[in-house]
Amino acid sequence: MTTNPIPGKMSSNQKYYLGAAVVILVTLVGTIVAYPQLPNIVPIHWDAHGHVNGWGPKWSLFLYGPGLILGIVLLFSALPWLSPKKFEVDSFRATYLYIMMVIVALLAYCQLLILISSLGFAIDVSRALEGGVCLLIALLGNVLGKVRRNFYVGVRTPWTIANEQVWNATHRFAARTFFAGGLLGVIAVILRAPFWLPLTAILIAALVPVIYSLIFYKQLERRGQLN
């Protein structure tokens, strides 16, 4: 027995788009409010030691912030229409939009860091950004096990794309490595560990599932269990 949606009640998919729209609006308004106080040239890139090594005109912050976020939302909206049969995102659309929202939140966080730094506040942008990326990895790990075979998100190796069983097993495994690697990275940032340590944690978290997918595929191949 299926349950019809309650009339007038917003679906989870609509809530994600509404959340993204709110983030875009807040980022846009925040940039507009800060704009008169910003110098004509603002920092837009930092090295691993927190030193600025890239600059841009202050108007470019509208492109890097709300503009880029809007582009990501439009891209995530268009990709499902391009999916070939048997690789659609419909079966996990809520998870797909959750991933979109996590990326949107990270981009808004980056914009906030740039604005704070450009206004003259002392902040270690590289360290703060590294923590944000590690948190993103942990949040992705929270849902990776729900991602079904597709060409856009997830651990897309030749072996996961070729076999659905390998895809599902790899993503259940990757969910654990991403969450653990991201969490360890966040802790390392909080404890002010060397810059390379959190980066190493998330690189290992991403690389190990790739190797796992190859090994698992070859095991199924030897057993004649590939379907």
Protein backbone atom coordinates (compact mmCIF):
# COMPACT_ATOMS: atom_id res chain seq x y z
CA MET A 1 0.00 0.00 0.00
CA THR A 2 1.46 3.36 -1.01
CA THR A 3 0.99 6.57 0.87
CA ASN A 4 0.21 9.68 -1.11
CA PRO A 5 2.05 12.85 -0.17
CA ILE A 6 0.07 15.18 2.09
CA PRO A 7 -1.26 18.04 -0.05
CA GLY A 8 0.68 21.23 0.60
CA LYS A 9 3.49 19.42 2.40
CA MET A 10 6.97 20.01 1.01
CA SER A 11 8.87 16.92 -0.16
CA SER A 12 12.42 16.22 1.02
CA ASN A 13 13.68 17.00 -2.49
CA GLN A 14 11.98 20.39 -2.44
CA LYS A 15 13.46 21.08 0.99
CA TYR A 16 16.98 20.56 -0.35
CA TYR A 17 16.36 23.01 -3.19
CA LEU A 18 14.82 25.49 -0.77
CA GLY A 19 17.85 25.11 1.51
CA ALA A 20 20.18 25.74 -1.43
CA ALA A 21 18.18 28.82 -2.43
CA VAL A 22 18.44 30.17 1.12
CA VAL A 23 22.21 29.59 1.15
CA ILE A 24 22.58 31.41 -2.19
CA LEU A 25 20.49 34.33 -0.93
CA VAL A 26 22.35 34.60 2.39
CA THR A 27 25.72 34.39 0.61
CA LEU A 28 24.65 37.06 -1.88
CA VAL A 29 23.31 39.41 0.79
CA GLY A 30 26.38 38.88 2.98
CA THR A 31 28.68 39.73 0.07
CA ILE A 32 26.64 42.84 -0.79
CA VAL A 33 26.71 44.06 2.83
CA ALA A 34 30.47 43.50 3.13
CA TYR A 35 31.28 44.89 -0.32
CA PRO A 36 31.72 48.61 0.59
CA GLN A 37 34.23 47.69 3.33
CA LEU A 38 36.29 45.37 1.12
CA PRO A 39 39.58 46.49 -0.46
CA ASN A 40 39.61 46.68 -4.25
CA ILE A 41 41.89 43.62 -4.39
CA VAL A 42 41.01 40.69 -2.11
CA PRO A 43 42.75 37.40 -1.25
CA ILE A 44 41.26 34.38 -2.99
CA HIS A 45 43.89 31.68 -2.46
CA TRP A 46 46.19 30.59 0.38
CA ASP A 47 49.10 28.16 0.61
CA ALA A 48 49.44 25.34 3.14
CA HIS A 49 51.03 27.73 5.64
CA GLY A 50 48.15 30.20 5.53
CA HIS A 51 49.96 32.77 3.37
CA VAL A 52 48.03 34.49 0.61
CA ASN A 53 49.32 33.50 -2.83
CA GLY A 54 46.39 34.54 -5.00
CA TRP A 55 44.47 37.82 -5.36
CA GLY A 56 41.49 39.04 -7.35
CA PRO A 57 39.19 42.05 -7.77
CA LYS A 58 36.54 42.28 -5.08
CA TRP A 59 33.72 41.97 -7.61
CA SER A 60 34.96 38.43 -8.33
CA LEU A 61 33.62 37.35 -4.92
CA PHE A 62 30.13 37.39 -6.45
CA LEU A 63 31.35 34.76 -8.93
CA TYR A 64 33.25 32.62 -6.40
CA GLY A 65 30.43 32.74 -3.86
CA PRO A 66 26.77 32.94 -4.94
CA GLY A 67 27.64 32.53 -8.63
CA LEU A 68 29.54 29.27 -8.16
CA ILE A 69 26.94 27.91 -5.73
CA LEU A 70 24.16 28.64 -8.24
CA GLY A 71 26.20 26.89 -10.91
CA ILE A 72 26.54 23.77 -8.74
CA VAL A 73 22.78 23.69 -8.07
CA LEU A 74 22.00 24.05 -11.78
CA LEU A 75 24.52 21.32 -12.63
CA PHE A 76 23.05 18.90 -10.09
CA SER A 77 19.58 19.72 -11.45
CA ALA A 78 20.62 19.01 -15.05
CA LEU A 79 22.66 15.82 -14.58
CA PRO A 80 19.68 13.50 -13.84
CA TRP A 81 18.21 14.41 -17.24
CA LEU A 82 21.42 13.23 -18.90
CA SER A 83 21.61 9.88 -17.11
CA PRO A 84 21.42 6.80 -19.36
CA LYS A 85 18.98 4.02 -18.52
CA LYS A 86 19.92 1.78 -15.58
CA PHE A 87 22.16 4.56 -14.23
CA GLU A 88 19.46 7.05 -13.18
CA VAL A 89 19.65 8.91 -9.86
CA ASP A 90 15.89 8.60 -9.23
CA SER A 91 16.35 5.64 -6.88
CA PHE A 92 18.52 7.71 -4.53
CA ARG A 93 17.52 11.27 -5.43
CA ALA A 94 17.22 12.42 -1.80
CA THR A 95 20.79 11.23 -1.17
CA TYR A 96 21.92 12.85 -4.43
CA LEU A 97 20.46 16.19 -3.32
CA TYR A 98 21.97 15.76 0.14
CA ILE A 99 25.39 15.52 -1.54
CA MET A 100 24.57 18.67 -3.50
CA MET A 101 23.63 20.47 -0.29
CA VAL A 102 26.85 19.44 1.47
CA ILE A 103 28.89 20.87 -1.43
CA VAL A 104 26.78 24.04 -1.40
CA ALA A 105 27.38 24.45 2.33
CA LEU A 106 31.14 24.04 1.88
CA LEU A 107 31.23 26.69 -0.86
CA ALA A 108 29.26 29.10 1.34
CA TYR A 109 31.70 28.40 4.17
CA CYS A 110 34.62 29.20 1.83
CA GLN A 111 32.96 32.49 0.88
CA LEU A 112 32.56 33.35 4.56
CA LEU A 113 36.25 32.68 5.20
CA ILE A 114 37.27 34.89 2.27
CA LEU A 115 35.02 37.73 3.44
CA ILE A 116 36.31 37.54 7.02
CA SER A 117 39.91 37.55 5.83
CA SER A 118 39.30 40.37 3.34
CA LEU A 119 37.78 42.54 6.06
CA GLY A 120 41.07 42.35 7.95
CA PHE A 121 40.26 39.80 10.63
CA ALA A 122 43.12 37.49 11.62
CA ILE A 123 42.17 33.95 10.63
CA ASP A 124 44.10 30.92 9.44
CA VAL A 125 42.08 30.35 6.28
CA SER A 126 44.06 27.30 5.14
CA ARG A 127 43.51 25.54 8.46
CA ALA A 128 39.82 26.49 8.60
CA LEU A 129 39.28 25.38 5.00
CA GLU A 130 41.04 22.07 5.61
CA GLY A 131 38.70 21.44 8.53
CA GLY A 132 35.72 22.20 6.33
CA VAL A 133 36.86 19.76 3.65
CA CYS A 134 37.42 17.03 6.25
CA LEU A 135 33.92 17.62 7.62
CA LEU A 136 32.52 17.37 4.08
CA ILE A 137 34.24 13.99 3.63
CA ALA A 138 32.73 12.73 6.90
CA LEU A 139 29.25 13.95 5.90
CA LEU A 140 29.56 12.25 2.51
CA GLY A 141 30.57 9.04 4.27
CA ASN A 142 27.34 9.25 6.21
CA VAL A 143 25.32 8.58 3.02
CA LEU A 144 27.67 6.84 0.57
CA GLY A 145 26.12 3.46 1.29
CA LYS A 146 22.83 4.77 -0.15
CA VAL A 147 24.31 5.89 -3.46
CA ARG A 148 23.30 3.65 -6.36
CA ARG A 149 25.22 3.06 -9.58
CA ASN A 150 25.51 6.23 -11.67
CA PHE A 151 28.07 8.26 -13.59
CA TYR A 152 28.12 11.41 -11.45
CA VAL A 153 28.60 10.82 -7.72
CA GLY A 154 30.27 8.12 -5.66
CA VAL A 155 33.32 5.89 -6.09
CA ARG A 156 33.26 5.60 -9.88
CA THR A 157 35.94 3.15 -10.94
CA PRO A 158 35.87 0.83 -14.00
CA TRP A 159 34.98 -2.04 -11.65
CA THR A 160 32.13 -0.35 -9.76
CA ILE A 161 30.59 0.96 -12.99
CA ALA A 162 30.87 -2.48 -14.62
CA ASN A 163 29.14 -4.44 -11.85
CA GLU A 164 26.34 -3.41 -9.51
CA GLN A 165 27.38 -5.87 -6.78
CA VAL A 166 30.88 -4.37 -6.76
CA TRP A 167 29.37 -0.88 -6.67
CA ASN A 168 27.16 -1.62 -3.67
CA ALA A 169 29.87 -3.43 -1.69
CA THR A 170 32.43 -0.72 -2.44
CA HIS A 171 30.10 2.06 -1.32
CA ARG A 172 29.21 0.33 1.92
CA PHE A 173 32.95 0.04 2.55
CA ALA A 174 33.67 3.61 1.41
CA ALA A 175 30.99 4.94 3.76
CA ARG A 176 33.11 3.74 6.69
CA THR A 177 36.46 4.95 5.33
CA PHE A 178 35.10 8.39 4.37
CA PHE A 179 33.43 8.92 7.73
CA ALA A 180 36.47 7.72 9.69
CA GLY A 181 38.96 9.64 7.53
CA GLY A 182 36.93 12.83 7.63
CA LEU A 183 36.40 12.61 11.39
CA LEU A 184 40.10 11.95 12.03
CA GLY A 185 40.91 14.89 9.77
CA VAL A 186 38.62 17.23 11.72
CA ILE A 187 40.17 16.11 15.01
CA ALA A 188 43.67 16.63 13.57
CA VAL A 189 42.75 20.17 12.49
CA ILE A 190 41.32 20.98 15.93
CA LEU A 191 44.49 19.67 17.57
CA ARG A 192 46.55 21.77 15.11
CA ALA A 193 48.36 18.75 13.71
CA PRO A 194 50.70 19.30 10.74
CA PHE A 195 48.86 20.33 7.59
CA TRP A 196 49.73 17.09 5.77
CA LEU A 197 48.12 14.85 8.40
CA PRO A 198 44.42 15.67 7.78
CA LEU A 199 45.12 15.71 4.05
CA THR A 200 46.69 12.26 4.28
CA ALA A 201 43.68 10.96 6.23
CA ILE A 202 41.18 12.00 3.56
CA LEU A 203 43.42 10.84 0.70
CA ILE A 204 43.67 7.37 2.26
CA ALA A 205 39.92 7.38 2.91
CA ALA A 206 39.32 8.04 -0.80
CA LEU A 207 42.03 5.75 -2.20
CA VAL A 208 41.36 2.58 -0.19
CA PRO A 209 37.83 2.06 -1.63
CA VAL A 210 39.27 2.30 -5.16
CA ILE A 211 41.69 -0.54 -4.38
CA TYR A 212 38.88 -2.44 -2.64
CA SER A 213 36.69 -2.23 -5.76
CA LEU A 214 39.45 -3.77 -7.91
CA ILE A 215 40.15 -6.59 -5.43
CA PHE A 216 36.46 -7.41 -4.96
CA TYR A 217 35.83 -7.37 -8.72
CA LYS A 218 38.73 -9.76 -9.35
CA GLN A 219 37.46 -12.08 -6.59
CA LEU A 220 34.04 -12.27 -8.25
CA GLU A 221 35.69 -12.76 -11.62
CA ARG A 222 37.76 -15.72 -10.41
CA ARG A 223 34.67 -17.31 -8.87
CA GLY A 224 32.62 -16.78 -12.04
CA GLN A 225 30.11 -14.70 -10.06
CA LEU A 226 30.08 -11.58 -12.22
CA ASN A 227 26.59 -10.96 -13.52
